[in-house]
PDB file of N, CA and C in Angstrom:
ATOM      1  N   MET A   1       8.119  -6.082 -27.430  1.00  0.00           N
ATOM      2  CA  MET A   1       8.426  -7.121 -26.473  1.00  0.00           C
ATOM      3  C   MET A   1       7.121  -7.567 -25.795  1.00  0.00           C
ATOM      4  N   VAL A   2       6.883  -8.837 -25.781  1.00  0.00           N
ATOM      5  CA  VAL A   2       5.671  -9.383 -25.191  1.00  0.00           C
ATOM      6  C   VAL A   2       5.951  -9.752 -23.738  1.00  0.00           C
ATOM      7  N   ALA A   3       5.136  -9.224 -22.853  1.00  0.00           N
ATOM      8  CA  ALA A   3       5.300  -9.534 -21.435  1.00  0.00           C
ATOM      9  C   ALA A   3       4.739 -10.926 -21.170  1.00  0.00           C
ATOM     10  N   THR A   4       5.477 -11.723 -20.408  1.00  0.00           N
ATOM     11  CA  THR A   4       4.983 -13.048 -20.056  1.00  0.00           C
ATOM     12  C   THR A   4       4.031 -12.924 -18.881  1.00  0.00           C
ATOM     13  N   ARG A   5       3.093 -13.823 -18.825  1.00  0.00           N
ATOM     14  CA  ARG A   5       2.113 -13.840 -17.757  1.00  0.00           C
ATOM     15  C   ARG A   5       2.088 -15.218 -17.139  1.00  0.00           C
ATOM     16  N   GLU A   6       1.753 -15.283 -15.861  1.00  0.00           N
ATOM     17  CA  GLU A   6       1.638 -16.547 -15.152  1.00  0.00           C
ATOM     18  C   GLU A   6       0.248 -16.633 -14.546  1.00  0.00           C
ATOM     19  N   LYS A   7      -0.426 -17.732 -14.825  1.00  0.00           N
ATOM     20  CA  LYS A   7      -1.760 -17.925 -14.263  1.00  0.00           C
ATOM     21  C   LYS A   7      -1.655 -18.253 -12.790  1.00  0.00           C
ATOM     22  N   PHE A   8      -2.640 -17.791 -12.024  1.00  0.00           N
ATOM     23  CA  PHE A   8      -2.729 -18.126 -10.612  1.00  0.00           C
ATOM     24  C   PHE A   8      -4.190 -18.146 -10.232  1.00  0.00           C
ATOM     25  N   SER A   9      -4.460 -18.741  -9.112  1.00  0.00           N
ATOM     26  CA  SER A   9      -5.833 -18.827  -8.644  1.00  0.00           C
ATOM     27  C   SER A   9      -5.899 -18.255  -7.233  1.00  0.00           C
ATOM     28  N   SER A  10      -6.945 -17.495  -6.971  1.00  0.00           N
ATOM     29  CA  SER A  10      -7.132 -16.917  -5.649  1.00  0.00           C
ATOM     30  C   SER A  10      -8.617 -16.670  -5.445  1.00  0.00           C
ATOM     31  N   GLN A  11      -8.950 -16.073  -4.333  1.00  0.00           N
ATOM     32  CA  GLN A  11     -10.337 -15.761  -4.035  1.00  0.00           C
ATOM     33  C   GLN A  11     -10.422 -14.340  -3.499  1.00  0.00           C
ATOM     34  N   ALA A  12     -11.575 -13.723  -3.720  1.00  0.00           N
ATOM     35  CA  ALA A  12     -11.836 -12.390  -3.196  1.00  0.00           C
ATOM     36  C   ALA A  12     -13.336 -12.272  -2.971  1.00  0.00           C
ATOM     37  N   SER A  13     -13.722 -11.254  -2.246  1.00  0.00           N
ATOM     38  CA  SER A  13     -15.156 -11.065  -1.992  1.00  0.00           C
ATOM     39  C   SER A  13     -15.861 -10.733  -3.306  1.00  0.00           C
ATOM     40  N   PRO A  14     -17.076 -11.198  -3.453  1.00  0.00           N
ATOM     41  CA  PRO A  14     -17.835 -10.898  -4.680  1.00  0.00           C
ATOM     42  C   PRO A  14     -17.983  -9.396  -4.922  1.00  0.00           C
ATOM     43  N   GLU A  15     -18.136  -8.625  -3.847  1.00  0.00           N
ATOM     44  CA  GLU A  15     -18.300  -7.175  -3.992  1.00  0.00           C
ATOM     45  C   GLU A  15     -17.035  -6.533  -4.563  1.00  0.00           C
ATOM     46  N   LEU A  16     -15.888  -6.949  -4.049  1.00  0.00           N
ATOM     47  CA  LEU A  16     -14.620  -6.399  -4.537  1.00  0.00           C
ATOM     48  C   LEU A  16     -14.397  -6.775  -5.989  1.00  0.00           C
ATOM     49  N   LEU A  17     -14.664  -8.028  -6.321  1.00  0.00           N
ATOM     50  CA  LEU A  17     -14.506  -8.463  -7.709  1.00  0.00           C
ATOM     51  C   LEU A  17     -15.432  -7.690  -8.640  1.00  0.00           C
ATOM     52  N   GLU A  18     -16.651  -7.467  -8.216  1.00  0.00           N
ATOM     53  CA  GLU A  18     -17.587  -6.716  -9.058  1.00  0.00           C
ATOM     54  C   GLU A  18     -17.110  -5.285  -9.259  1.00  0.00           C
ATOM     55  N   GLU A  19     -16.573  -4.666  -8.218  1.00  0.00           N
ATOM     56  CA  GLU A  19     -16.038  -3.307  -8.369  1.00  0.00           C
ATOM     57  C   GLU A  19     -14.875  -3.283  -9.350  1.00  0.00           C
ATOM     58  N   MET A  20     -14.008  -4.291  -9.268  1.00  0.00           N
ATOM     59  CA  MET A  20     -12.878  -4.370 -10.200  1.00  0.00           C
ATOM     60  C   MET A  20     -13.375  -4.569 -11.632  1.00  0.00           C
ATOM     61  N   ARG A  21     -14.374  -5.434 -11.810  1.00  0.00           N
ATOM     62  CA  ARG A  21     -14.934  -5.653 -13.150  1.00  0.00           C
ATOM     63  C   ARG A  21     -15.582  -4.382 -13.686  1.00  0.00           C
ATOM     64  N   GLU A  22     -16.258  -3.648 -12.818  1.00  0.00           N
ATOM     65  CA  GLU A  22     -16.899  -2.402 -13.235  1.00  0.00           C
ATOM     66  C   GLU A  22     -15.855  -1.375 -13.666  1.00  0.00           C
ATOM     67  N   ILE A  23     -14.765  -1.290 -12.941  1.00  0.00           N
ATOM     68  CA  ILE A  23     -13.671  -0.382 -13.323  1.00  0.00           C
ATOM     69  C   ILE A  23     -13.147  -0.768 -14.697  1.00  0.00           C
ATOM     70  N   ALA A  24     -12.927  -2.061 -14.908  1.00  0.00           N
ATOM     71  CA  ALA A  24     -12.435  -2.532 -16.202  1.00  0.00           C
ATOM     72  C   ALA A  24     -13.418  -2.178 -17.317  1.00  0.00           C
ATOM     73  N   ARG A  25     -14.711  -2.418 -17.094  1.00  0.00           N
ATOM     74  CA  ARG A  25     -15.735  -2.088 -18.113  1.00  0.00           C
ATOM     75  C   ARG A  25     -15.746  -0.587 -18.406  1.00  0.00           C
ATOM     76  N   ARG A  26     -15.747   0.202 -17.337  1.00  0.00           N
ATOM     77  CA  ARG A  26     -15.816   1.659 -17.483  1.00  0.00           C
ATOM     78  C   ARG A  26     -14.617   2.208 -18.251  1.00  0.00           C
ATOM     79  N   GLU A  27     -13.448   1.610 -18.013  1.00  0.00           N
ATOM     80  CA  GLU A  27     -12.229   2.086 -18.670  1.00  0.00           C
ATOM     81  C   GLU A  27     -11.952   1.374 -19.990  1.00  0.00           C
ATOM     82  N   GLY A  28     -12.816   0.415 -20.351  1.00  0.00           N
ATOM     83  CA  GLY A  28     -12.617  -0.311 -21.603  1.00  0.00           C
ATOM     84  C   GLY A  28     -11.354  -1.159 -21.593  1.00  0.00           C
ATOM     85  N   ARG A  29     -11.061  -1.737 -20.444  1.00  0.00           N
ATOM     86  CA  ARG A  29      -9.837  -2.529 -20.292  1.00  0.00           C
ATOM     87  C   ARG A  29     -10.196  -3.947 -19.896  1.00  0.00           C
ATOM     88  N   HIS A  30      -9.219  -4.823 -20.030  1.00  0.00           N
ATOM     89  CA  HIS A  30      -9.392  -6.196 -19.575  1.00  0.00           C
ATOM     90  C   HIS A  30      -9.284  -6.235 -18.056  1.00  0.00           C
ATOM     91  N   PHE A  31     -10.056  -7.139 -17.449  1.00  0.00           N
ATOM     92  CA  PHE A  31     -10.023  -7.308 -15.996  1.00  0.00           C
ATOM     93  C   PHE A  31      -8.609  -7.584 -15.510  1.00  0.00           C
ATOM     94  N   GLN A  32      -7.871  -8.444 -16.226  1.00  0.00           N
ATOM     95  CA  GLN A  32      -6.521  -8.796 -15.781  1.00  0.00           C
ATOM     96  C   GLN A  32      -5.590  -7.588 -15.767  1.00  0.00           C
ATOM     97  N   ALA A  33      -5.800  -6.628 -16.670  1.00  0.00           N
ATOM     98  CA  ALA A  33      -4.958  -5.429 -16.688  1.00  0.00           C
ATOM     99  C   ALA A  33      -5.242  -4.566 -15.462  1.00  0.00           C
ATOM    100  N   VAL A  34      -6.525  -4.444 -15.098  1.00  0.00           N
ATOM    101  CA  VAL A  34      -6.893  -3.669 -13.910  1.00  0.00           C
ATOM    102  C   VAL A  34      -6.364  -4.354 -12.658  1.00  0.00           C
ATOM    103  N   LEU A  35      -6.490  -5.674 -12.602  1.00  0.00           N
ATOM    104  CA  LEU A  35      -5.978  -6.426 -11.459  1.00  0.00           C
ATOM    105  C   LEU A  35      -4.465  -6.271 -11.339  1.00  0.00           C
ATOM    106  N   GLU A  36      -3.767  -6.342 -12.460  1.00  0.00           N
ATOM    107  CA  GLU A  36      -2.308  -6.186 -12.423  1.00  0.00           C
ATOM    108  C   GLU A  36      -1.914  -4.786 -11.956  1.00  0.00           C
ATOM    109  N   ASP A  37      -2.645  -3.759 -12.400  1.00  0.00           N
ATOM    110  CA  ASP A  37      -2.380  -2.392 -11.921  1.00  0.00           C
ATOM    111  C   ASP A  37      -2.573  -2.298 -10.413  1.00  0.00           C
ATOM    112  N   ALA A  38      -3.652  -2.911  -9.921  1.00  0.00           N
ATOM    113  CA  ALA A  38      -3.933  -2.875  -8.482  1.00  0.00           C
ATOM    114  C   ALA A  38      -2.827  -3.597  -7.708  1.00  0.00           C
ATOM    115  N   MET A  39      -2.403  -4.738  -8.211  1.00  0.00           N
ATOM    116  CA  MET A  39      -1.342  -5.486  -7.531  1.00  0.00           C
ATOM    117  C   MET A  39      -0.031  -4.711  -7.556  1.00  0.00           C
ATOM    118  N   SER A  40       0.279  -4.081  -8.679  1.00  0.00           N
ATOM    119  CA  SER A  40       1.510  -3.293  -8.787  1.00  0.00           C
ATOM    120  C   SER A  40       1.496  -2.124  -7.801  1.00  0.00           C
ATOM    121  N   GLY A  41       0.351  -1.459  -7.687  1.00  0.00           N
ATOM    122  CA  GLY A  41       0.236  -0.355  -6.740  1.00  0.00           C
ATOM    123  C   GLY A  41       0.424  -0.808  -5.308  1.00  0.00           C
ATOM    124  N   TYR A  42      -0.128  -1.975  -4.984  1.00  0.00           N
ATOM    125  CA  TYR A  42       0.020  -2.514  -3.631  1.00  0.00           C
ATOM    126  C   TYR A  42       1.482  -2.839  -3.333  1.00  0.00           C
ATOM    127  N   VAL A  43       2.136  -3.503  -4.277  1.00  0.00           N
ATOM    128  CA  VAL A  43       3.553  -3.861  -4.089  1.00  0.00           C
ATOM    129  C   VAL A  43       4.400  -2.604  -3.936  1.00  0.00           C
ATOM    130  N   GLU A  44       4.148  -1.603  -4.755  1.00  0.00           N
ATOM    131  CA  GLU A  44       4.922  -0.356  -4.667  1.00  0.00           C
ATOM    132  C   GLU A  44       4.719   0.326  -3.321  1.00  0.00           C
ATOM    133  N   SER A  45       3.485   0.320  -2.808  1.00  0.00           N
ATOM    134  CA  SER A  45       3.250   0.945  -1.505  1.00  0.00           C
ATOM    135  C   SER A  45       3.991   0.192  -0.406  1.00  0.00           C
ATOM    136  N   LYS A  46       4.119  -1.102  -0.523  1.00  0.00           N
ATOM    137  CA  LYS A  46       4.845  -1.892   0.478  1.00  0.00           C
ATOM    138  C   LYS A  46       6.345  -1.672   0.380  1.00  0.00           C
ATOM    139  N   ARG A  47       6.841  -1.423  -0.831  1.00  0.00           N
ATOM    140  CA  ARG A  47       8.273  -1.140  -0.993  1.00  0.00           C
ATOM    141  C   ARG A  47       8.665   0.120  -0.232  1.00  0.00           C
ATOM    142  N   GLN A  48       7.738   1.050  -0.131  1.00  0.00           N
ATOM    143  CA  GLN A  48       8.032   2.315   0.531  1.00  0.00           C
ATOM    144  C   GLN A  48       7.946   2.205   2.040  1.00  0.00           C
ATOM    145  N   GLU A  49       7.446   1.100   2.564  1.00  0.00           N
ATOM    146  CA  GLU A  49       7.351   0.882   4.009  1.00  0.00           C
ATOM    147  C   GLU A  49       8.590   0.144   4.495  1.00  0.00           C
ATOM    148  N   ARG A  50       9.724   0.731   4.295  1.00  0.00           N
ATOM    149  CA  ARG A  50      10.983   0.051   4.594  1.00  0.00           C
ATOM    150  C   ARG A  50      11.463   0.227   6.035  1.00  0.00           C
ATOM    151  N   VAL A  51      10.787   1.023   6.820  1.00  0.00           N
ATOM    152  CA  VAL A  51      11.216   1.250   8.196  1.00  0.00           C
ATOM    153  C   VAL A  51      10.847   0.020   9.031  1.00  0.00           C
ATOM    154  N   ARG A  52      11.854  -0.558   9.661  1.00  0.00           N
ATOM    155  CA  ARG A  52      11.611  -1.748  10.477  1.00  0.00           C
ATOM    156  C   ARG A  52      10.798  -1.371  11.715  1.00  0.00           C
ATOM    157  N   PRO A  53       9.902  -2.256  12.134  1.00  0.00           N
ATOM    158  CA  PRO A  53       9.055  -1.968  13.300  1.00  0.00           C
ATOM    159  C   PRO A  53       9.851  -1.620  14.555  1.00  0.00           C
ATOM    160  N   GLU A  54      10.968  -2.287  14.782  1.00  0.00           N
ATOM    161  CA  GLU A  54      11.757  -1.981  15.983  1.00  0.00           C
ATOM    162  C   GLU A  54      12.349  -0.575  15.925  1.00  0.00           C
ATOM    163  N   MET A  55      12.634  -0.077  14.710  1.00  0.00           N
ATOM    164  CA  MET A  55      13.132   1.295  14.584  1.00  0.00           C
ATOM    165  C   MET A  55      12.026   2.298  14.908  1.00  0.00           C
ATOM    166  N   MET A  56      10.816   2.013  14.462  1.00  0.00           N
ATOM    167  CA  MET A  56       9.696   2.900  14.786  1.00  0.00           C
ATOM    168  C   MET A  56       9.424   2.896  16.291  1.00  0.00           C
ATOM    169  N   ALA A  57       9.590   1.743  16.938  1.00  0.00           N
ATOM    170  CA  ALA A  57       9.399   1.668  18.389  1.00  0.00           C
ATOM    171  C   ALA A  57      10.410   2.570  19.091  1.00  0.00           C
ATOM    172  N   HIS A  58      11.667   2.561  18.639  1.00  0.00           N
ATOM    173  CA  HIS A  58      12.687   3.439  19.224  1.00  0.00           C
ATOM    174  C   HIS A  58      12.344   4.904  18.982  1.00  0.00           C
ATOM    175  N   PHE A  59      11.860   5.197  17.775  1.00  0.00           N
ATOM    176  CA  PHE A  59      11.490   6.567  17.434  1.00  0.00           C
ATOM    177  C   PHE A  59      10.386   7.081  18.354  1.00  0.00           C
ATOM    178  N   TYR A  60       9.329   6.284  18.522  1.00  0.00           N
ATOM    179  CA  TYR A  60       8.225   6.710  19.382  1.00  0.00           C
ATOM    180  C   TYR A  60       8.643   6.813  20.846  1.00  0.00           C
ATOM    181  N   ALA A  61       9.526   5.920  21.281  1.00  0.00           N
ATOM    182  CA  ALA A  61      10.029   6.000  22.655  1.00  0.00           C
ATOM    183  C   ALA A  61      10.819   7.288  22.852  1.00  0.00           C
ATOM    184  N   SER A  62      11.603   7.661  21.839  1.00  0.00           N
ATOM    185  CA  SER A  62      12.382   8.897  21.908  1.00  0.00           C
ATOM    186  C   SER A  62      11.461  10.121  21.943  1.00  0.00           C
ATOM    187  N   LEU A  63      10.400  10.070  21.132  1.00  0.00           N
ATOM    188  CA  LEU A  63       9.442  11.183  21.157  1.00  0.00           C
ATOM    189  C   LEU A  63       8.848  11.356  22.542  1.00  0.00           C
ATOM    190  N   GLU A  64       8.444  10.261  23.147  1.00  0.00           N
ATOM    191  CA  GLU A  64       7.844  10.334  24.477  1.00  0.00           C
ATOM    192  C   GLU A  64       8.860  10.815  25.512  1.00  0.00           C
ATOM    193  N   LYS A  65      10.068  10.289  25.425  1.00  0.00           N
ATOM    194  CA  LYS A  65      11.112  10.667  26.381  1.00  0.00           C
ATOM    195  C   LYS A  65      11.414  12.173  26.296  1.00  0.00           C
ATOM    196  N   ASN A  66      11.378  12.718  25.082  1.00  0.00           N
ATOM    197  CA  ASN A  66      11.757  14.116  24.875  1.00  0.00           C
ATOM    198  C   ASN A  66      10.552  15.030  24.635  1.00  0.00           C
ATOM    199  N   ARG A  67       9.363  14.562  25.018  1.00  0.00           N
ATOM    200  CA  ARG A  67       8.141  15.331  24.797  1.00  0.00           C
ATOM    201  C   ARG A  67       8.224  16.721  25.438  1.00  0.00           C
ATOM    202  N   ARG A  68       8.660  16.789  26.671  1.00  0.00           N
ATOM    203  CA  ARG A  68       8.721  18.057  27.388  1.00  0.00           C
ATOM    204  C   ARG A  68       9.715  19.011  26.711  1.00  0.00           C
ATOM    205  N   LEU A  69      10.852  18.487  26.266  1.00  0.00           N
ATOM    206  CA  LEU A  69      11.828  19.322  25.560  1.00  0.00           C
ATOM    207  C   LEU A  69      11.197  19.894  24.284  1.00  0.00           C
ATOM    208  N   GLY A  70      10.464  19.067  23.572  1.00  0.00           N
ATOM    209  CA  GLY A  70       9.791  19.527  22.345  1.00  0.00           C
ATOM    210  C   GLY A  70       8.801  20.639  22.637  1.00  0.00           C
ATOM    211  N   GLU A  71       8.073  20.500  23.729  1.00  0.00           N
ATOM    212  CA  GLU A  71       7.112  21.535  24.105  1.00  0.00           C
ATOM    213  C   GLU A  71       7.824  22.849  24.404  1.00  0.00           C
ATOM    214  N   LEU A  72       8.929  22.769  25.141  1.00  0.00           N
ATOM    215  CA  LEU A  72       9.680  23.978  25.476  1.00  0.00           C
ATOM    216  C   LEU A  72      10.277  24.621  24.250  1.00  0.00           C
ATOM    217  N   LEU A  73      10.809  23.822  23.351  1.00  0.00           N
ATOM    218  CA  LEU A  73      11.385  24.370  22.124  1.00  0.00           C
ATOM    219  C   LEU A  73      10.295  24.973  21.228  1.00  0.00           C
ATOM    220  N   GLY A  74       9.127  24.394  21.273  1.00  0.00           N
ATOM    221  CA  GLY A  74       8.008  24.898  20.464  1.00  0.00           C
ATOM    222  C   GLY A  74       7.528  26.260  20.907  1.00  0.00           C
ATOM    223  N   LYS A  75       7.761  26.602  22.153  1.00  0.00           N
ATOM    224  CA  LYS A  75       7.335  27.911  22.674  1.00  0.00           C
ATOM    225  C   LYS A  75       8.295  29.025  22.257  1.00  0.00           C
ATOM    226  N   SER A  76       9.503  28.666  21.846  1.00  0.00           N
ATOM    227  CA  SER A  76      10.505  29.688  21.495  1.00  0.00           C
ATOM    228  C   SER A  76      10.192  30.376  20.199  1.00  0.00           C
TER     229      SER A  76
END
Protein backbone atom coordinates (compact mmCIF):
# COMPACT_ATOMS: atom_id res chain seq x y z
CA MET A 1 0.00 0.00 0.00
CA VAL A 2 1.43 3.35 -1.02
CA ALA A 3 1.00 6.14 1.49
CA THR A 4 -0.26 9.38 -0.01
CA ARG A 5 1.62 12.56 0.70
CA GLU A 6 0.56 16.20 0.61
CA LYS A 7 2.98 18.99 -0.16
CA PHE A 8 3.10 21.97 2.16
CA SER A 9 5.29 24.96 2.66
CA SER A 10 6.61 26.32 5.94
CA GLN A 11 9.64 27.96 7.46
CA ALA A 12 12.09 27.02 10.19
CA SER A 13 15.37 28.32 11.53
CA PRO A 14 18.38 27.44 9.38
CA GLU A 15 20.04 25.78 12.39
CA LEU A 16 17.08 23.48 13.02
CA LEU A 17 16.82 22.57 9.36
CA GLU A 18 20.52 21.78 9.21
CA GLU A 19 20.23 19.52 12.26
CA MET A 20 17.32 17.70 10.64
CA ARG A 21 19.28 17.30 7.39
CA GLU A 22 22.28 15.99 9.32
CA ILE A 23 20.10 13.41 11.08
CA ALA A 24 18.73 12.31 7.71
CA ARG A 25 22.26 12.03 6.23
CA ARG A 26 23.59 10.16 9.26
CA GLU A 27 20.71 7.68 9.19
CA GLY A 28 20.74 7.33 5.40
CA ARG A 29 17.14 8.51 5.16
CA HIS A 30 15.25 11.10 3.19
CA PHE A 31 14.74 14.47 4.87
CA GLN A 32 10.96 14.16 4.46
CA ALA A 33 10.95 10.84 6.35
CA VAL A 34 12.83 12.39 9.28
CA LEU A 35 10.52 15.41 9.23
CA GLU A 36 7.45 13.17 9.20
CA ASP A 37 8.81 11.18 12.17
CA ALA A 38 9.40 14.43 14.07
CA MET A 39 5.90 15.68 13.28
CA SER A 40 4.35 12.34 14.28
CA GLY A 41 6.20 12.41 17.60
CA TYR A 42 5.01 15.94 18.28
CA VAL A 43 1.38 15.08 17.49
CA GLU A 44 1.54 11.98 19.69
CA SER A 45 2.94 13.97 22.61
CA LYS A 46 0.07 16.45 22.27
CA ARG A 47 -2.50 13.64 22.20
CA GLN A 48 -1.30 12.63 25.64
CA GLU A 49 -1.87 16.15 27.02
CA ARG A 50 -5.59 15.63 27.34
CA VAL A 51 -6.04 17.24 30.76
CA ARG A 52 -7.94 20.50 30.35
CA PRO A 53 -6.23 23.55 31.86
CA GLU A 54 -9.20 24.32 34.11
CA MET A 55 -8.99 20.80 35.57
CA MET A 56 -5.31 21.29 36.37
CA ALA A 57 -6.17 24.62 38.04
CA HIS A 58 -8.67 22.79 40.29
CA PHE A 59 -6.09 20.11 41.03
CA TYR A 60 -3.44 22.62 42.08
CA ALA A 61 -5.96 24.58 44.14
CA SER A 62 -6.90 21.35 45.93
CA LEU A 63 -3.24 20.57 46.59
CA GLU A 64 -2.73 23.98 48.15
CA LYS A 65 -5.94 23.78 50.16
CA ASN A 66 -4.97 20.37 51.57
CA ARG A 67 -1.22 20.98 51.88
CA ARG A 68 -1.24 20.82 55.68
CA LEU A 69 -3.25 17.57 55.67
CA GLY A 70 -0.71 16.06 53.26
CA GLU A 71 2.13 17.06 55.55
CA LEU A 72 0.43 15.47 58.55
CA LEU A 73 -0.34 12.28 56.67
CA GLY A 74 3.24 12.15 55.41
CA LYS A 75 4.54 12.04 58.98
CA SER A 76 2.53 8.90 59.79
